Amino acid sequence: MASNLRVQARFGQRALLLTTAAVPLTGWTVHALALHRRLAAAKKDPLTGLLRRDAYTARARQVLRRHGDDTVVVLVDQDHFKAVNDSLSHAAGDTVLRATADRLTAWAGPGTAVGRLGGDEFAAVLHLPAGRREVRLAQLVRMLRIPVVLEDGHAVDVAASVGAAALDVIGTRDLSVAQRAADAALYDGKHSGRAVLATKEHATVPSINGRRAGRPGTAAWGRAA
């Protein structure tokens, strides 16, 4: 009888040690999962769900390394966005931004980098061979012109300016240069209803507060406004 009690006591001690050890392990696992979720959330814009600038840049460079000269950098800037906020409401403006983000994401497809750079500015980096660029960029322009339906059923007419820089055209694999060229191309076609593909000249245009100075030649696709 005494022997059985000693065995039960030793078994109970082992079980207690295992249970005690499992408690901090379980607590750390929960903490790690929560931390992972917070870090993942910090990489994304809370309104649109797109990558924030730093996370987008890291992802964009991965896409660029994978596809090389067939990579295209696309910048999107919402047209007349302030008027939507002022005349309808900021809630309506948020709905428009979410719609633009969803459409850009759907257009770019999987294996791409899509981010919100701030305000009403978006970017996408994707594999887009030369033979498909004209059709695909025109498609994006059409998608971004589809009216956005608000929660009250009101349809808002929207549009966005689009500039793109193909690495094989501008002659560099530098993401910063490509984005500057795409930005310059975008502002050459601002409010025109056309997607503008950057030339080599766009890659050399100096920027002032993120905006280009000068007006080099352009190649534009899409429907006129």
Protein backbone atom coordinates (compact mmCIF):
# COMPACT_ATOMS: atom_id res chain seq x y z
CA MET A 1 0.00 0.00 0.00
CA ALA A 2 2.80 2.40 0.90
CA SER A 3 4.56 1.47 -2.33
CA ASN A 4 1.47 2.36 -4.37
CA LEU A 5 1.19 5.69 -2.61
CA ARG A 6 4.83 6.52 -3.41
CA VAL A 7 4.28 5.65 -7.11
CA GLN A 8 1.15 7.80 -7.23
CA ALA A 9 2.99 10.66 -5.55
CA ARG A 10 5.85 10.51 -8.09
CA PHE A 11 3.35 10.37 -10.96
CA GLY A 12 1.50 13.36 -9.52
CA GLN A 13 4.72 15.35 -9.23
CA ARG A 14 5.63 14.64 -12.86
CA ALA A 15 2.16 15.65 -14.04
CA LEU A 16 2.43 18.87 -12.04
CA LEU A 17 5.84 19.66 -13.56
CA LEU A 18 4.56 19.03 -17.09
CA THR A 19 1.47 21.14 -16.48
CA THR A 20 3.55 23.95 -14.97
CA ALA A 21 5.94 23.87 -17.92
CA ALA A 22 3.07 23.93 -20.41
CA VAL A 23 1.48 27.05 -18.96
CA PRO A 24 4.26 29.52 -19.94
CA LEU A 25 4.70 27.71 -23.28
CA THR A 26 1.01 28.13 -24.08
CA GLY A 27 1.15 31.74 -22.92
CA TRP A 28 4.15 32.46 -25.14
CA THR A 29 2.44 30.84 -28.14
CA VAL A 30 -0.62 33.04 -27.68
CA HIS A 31 1.61 36.08 -27.28
CA ALA A 32 3.61 35.19 -30.41
CA LEU A 33 0.44 34.75 -32.46
CA ALA A 34 -0.93 38.06 -31.22
CA LEU A 35 2.38 39.77 -32.01
CA HIS A 36 2.39 38.24 -35.50
CA ARG A 37 -1.12 39.55 -36.13
CA ARG A 38 -0.15 43.03 -34.94
CA LEU A 39 2.95 43.07 -37.16
CA ALA A 40 0.92 41.88 -40.14
CA ALA A 41 -1.70 44.55 -39.47
CA ALA A 42 1.00 47.22 -39.17
CA LYS A 43 2.13 46.41 -42.71
CA LYS A 44 -1.32 47.12 -44.13
CA ASP A 45 -3.36 50.26 -44.54
CA PRO A 46 -6.38 49.92 -42.22
CA LEU A 47 -8.81 51.56 -44.66
CA THR A 48 -8.02 49.70 -47.89
CA GLY A 49 -6.14 46.62 -46.68
CA LEU A 50 -3.30 47.38 -49.11
CA LEU A 51 0.34 47.30 -48.11
CA ARG A 52 1.73 50.44 -46.50
CA ARG A 53 4.66 52.17 -48.19
CA ASP A 54 7.53 50.24 -46.50
CA ALA A 55 5.90 46.83 -46.89
CA TYR A 56 4.93 47.66 -50.47
CA THR A 57 8.50 48.70 -51.30
CA ALA A 58 9.92 45.44 -49.93
CA ARG A 59 7.38 43.39 -51.87
CA ALA A 60 7.90 45.46 -55.03
CA ARG A 61 11.64 44.77 -54.98
CA GLN A 62 10.92 41.05 -54.72
CA VAL A 63 8.69 41.23 -57.80
CA LEU A 64 11.35 43.24 -59.63
CA ARG A 65 14.08 40.72 -58.84
CA ARG A 66 11.87 37.86 -60.01
CA HIS A 67 10.77 39.35 -63.34
CA GLY A 68 13.55 41.77 -64.26
CA ASP A 69 13.02 43.90 -67.35
CA ASP A 70 9.46 42.68 -67.87
CA THR A 71 8.43 44.41 -64.63
CA VAL A 72 6.14 47.43 -64.83
CA VAL A 73 5.59 50.01 -62.08
CA VAL A 74 2.10 51.55 -62.14
CA LEU A 75 1.02 54.62 -60.17
CA VAL A 76 -2.63 55.60 -59.72
CA ASP A 77 -3.91 58.97 -58.49
CA GLN A 78 -7.63 59.50 -57.87
CA ASP A 79 -9.09 62.31 -59.97
CA HIS A 80 -11.18 65.03 -58.29
CA PHE A 81 -11.06 63.18 -54.97
CA LYS A 82 -11.32 66.34 -52.86
CA ALA A 83 -14.62 67.17 -54.56
CA VAL A 84 -16.02 63.79 -53.47
CA ASN A 85 -15.05 64.43 -49.87
CA ASP A 86 -16.33 68.01 -49.90
CA SER A 87 -19.64 67.45 -51.70
CA LEU A 88 -20.64 64.03 -50.40
CA SER A 89 -18.72 63.20 -47.20
CA HIS A 90 -15.50 61.66 -45.98
CA ALA A 91 -17.34 58.36 -45.63
CA ALA A 92 -18.12 58.51 -49.34
CA GLY A 93 -14.48 59.31 -50.01
CA ASP A 94 -13.42 56.27 -48.00
CA THR A 95 -15.75 54.08 -50.04
CA VAL A 96 -14.20 55.40 -53.25
CA LEU A 97 -10.68 54.70 -51.96
CA ARG A 98 -11.62 51.14 -50.99
CA ALA A 99 -13.17 50.58 -54.41
CA THR A 100 -10.04 51.86 -56.15
CA ALA A 101 -7.86 49.61 -53.99
CA ASP A 102 -10.05 46.56 -54.75
CA ARG A 103 -10.03 47.26 -58.47
CA LEU A 104 -6.28 47.79 -58.63
CA THR A 105 -5.72 44.58 -56.67
CA ALA A 106 -8.03 42.60 -58.95
CA TRP A 107 -6.37 44.06 -62.05
CA ALA A 108 -2.82 43.37 -60.87
CA GLY A 109 -3.59 39.79 -59.87
CA PRO A 110 -1.59 37.38 -57.68
CA GLY A 111 2.18 37.52 -57.23
CA THR A 112 2.27 41.31 -57.45
CA ALA A 113 2.91 44.24 -55.11
CA VAL A 114 -0.01 46.61 -54.54
CA GLY A 115 0.17 49.42 -52.01
CA ARG A 116 -1.36 52.67 -50.84
CA LEU A 117 1.35 55.31 -50.84
CA GLY A 118 -0.80 57.83 -48.98
CA GLY A 119 -3.95 59.87 -49.48
CA ASP A 120 -5.49 58.93 -52.83
CA GLU A 121 -2.26 57.57 -54.34
CA PHE A 122 -1.74 53.90 -55.09
CA ALA A 123 0.95 51.78 -56.72
CA ALA A 124 1.32 48.34 -58.25
CA VAL A 125 4.37 46.44 -59.44
CA LEU A 126 3.82 43.44 -61.66
CA HIS A 127 5.09 41.25 -64.47
CA LEU A 128 3.73 42.73 -67.71
CA PRO A 129 5.46 41.81 -71.01
CA ALA A 130 5.62 44.41 -73.77
CA GLY A 131 3.00 42.75 -75.98
CA ARG A 132 0.28 43.03 -73.31
CA ARG A 133 0.90 46.49 -71.87
CA GLU A 134 -1.34 48.53 -74.14
CA VAL A 135 -4.40 46.33 -73.60
CA ARG A 136 -3.83 45.86 -69.86
CA LEU A 137 -3.28 49.54 -69.07
CA ALA A 138 -6.35 50.54 -71.06
CA GLN A 139 -8.28 47.89 -69.13
CA LEU A 140 -7.16 49.43 -65.83
CA VAL A 141 -8.32 52.88 -66.91
CA ARG A 142 -11.76 51.49 -67.77
CA MET A 143 -12.01 49.66 -64.43
CA LEU A 144 -11.17 52.81 -62.50
CA ARG A 145 -13.91 54.75 -64.32
CA ILE A 146 -16.76 52.46 -63.22
CA PRO A 147 -19.09 54.43 -60.90
CA VAL A 148 -18.82 53.56 -57.21
CA VAL A 149 -22.09 52.76 -55.46
CA LEU A 150 -22.33 54.09 -51.89
CA GLU A 151 -24.19 52.44 -49.02
CA ASP A 152 -27.25 54.60 -49.66
CA GLY A 153 -27.38 53.42 -53.28
CA HIS A 154 -26.04 56.67 -54.70
CA ALA A 155 -23.62 56.12 -57.61
CA VAL A 156 -20.52 58.33 -57.73
CA ASP A 157 -18.76 58.99 -61.03
CA VAL A 158 -15.05 58.38 -60.52
CA ALA A 159 -11.84 58.29 -62.51
CA ALA A 160 -8.13 58.06 -61.84
CA SER A 161 -4.94 59.11 -63.57
CA VAL A 162 -2.51 56.30 -64.38
CA GLY A 163 1.20 56.41 -65.13
CA ALA A 164 3.39 53.38 -65.79
CA ALA A 165 7.09 52.74 -66.16
CA ALA A 166 8.37 49.58 -67.85
CA LEU A 167 11.92 48.73 -66.84
CA ASP A 168 12.95 47.67 -70.33
CA VAL A 169 11.75 51.02 -71.69
CA ILE A 170 13.34 53.36 -69.16
CA GLY A 171 16.54 51.28 -69.03
CA THR A 172 16.91 50.74 -65.28
CA ARG A 173 15.94 48.27 -62.58
CA ASP A 174 16.04 50.89 -59.84
CA LEU A 175 12.62 50.97 -58.18
CA SER A 176 12.94 54.59 -57.07
CA VAL A 177 13.80 55.74 -60.59
CA ALA A 178 10.95 53.68 -62.04
CA GLN A 179 8.46 55.20 -59.60
CA ARG A 180 9.69 58.69 -60.40
CA ALA A 181 9.29 57.97 -64.12
CA ALA A 182 5.79 56.56 -63.59
CA ASP A 183 4.89 59.62 -61.51
CA ALA A 184 6.12 61.95 -64.26
CA ALA A 185 4.13 60.00 -66.84
CA LEU A 186 1.02 60.09 -64.65
CA TYR A 187 1.14 63.88 -64.39
CA ASP A 188 1.63 64.23 -68.13
CA GLY A 189 -1.74 62.54 -68.54
CA LYS A 190 -3.48 63.91 -65.43
CA HIS A 191 -7.28 64.15 -65.89
CA SER A 192 -6.95 62.99 -69.52
CA GLY A 193 -8.58 59.58 -69.04
CA ARG A 194 -5.50 57.87 -70.50
CA ALA A 195 -2.79 55.67 -69.04
CA VAL A 196 0.62 57.09 -69.92
CA LEU A 197 3.69 54.89 -70.33
CA ALA A 198 6.94 56.58 -69.34
CA THR A 199 9.75 57.13 -71.82
CA LYS A 200 13.46 57.25 -71.02
CA GLU A 201 13.10 61.00 -70.66
CA HIS A 202 10.64 60.60 -67.80
CA ALA A 203 13.29 58.74 -65.81
CA THR A 204 15.55 61.79 -65.91
CA VAL A 205 12.96 64.38 -64.86
CA PRO A 206 13.83 65.95 -61.49
CA SER A 207 11.17 65.71 -58.79
CA ILE A 208 9.98 68.53 -56.54
CA ASN A 209 8.20 67.26 -53.42
CA GLY A 210 7.53 64.02 -55.22
CA ARG A 211 6.15 65.78 -58.31
CA ARG A 212 7.92 66.20 -61.59
CA ALA A 213 9.06 69.39 -63.29
CA GLY A 214 9.06 69.75 -67.09
CA ARG A 215 7.08 67.84 -69.70
CA PRO A 216 8.89 65.21 -71.79
CA GLY A 217 7.25 63.26 -74.61
CA THR A 218 4.63 60.65 -73.77
CA ALA A 219 2.95 57.53 -75.03
CA ALA A 220 -0.66 57.34 -73.90
CA TRP A 221 -3.34 54.64 -73.99
CA GLY A 222 -6.97 54.58 -73.00
CA ARG A 223 -10.12 56.57 -73.47
CA ALA A 224 -10.10 60.34 -73.46
CA ALA A 225 -12.05 61.98 -70.65
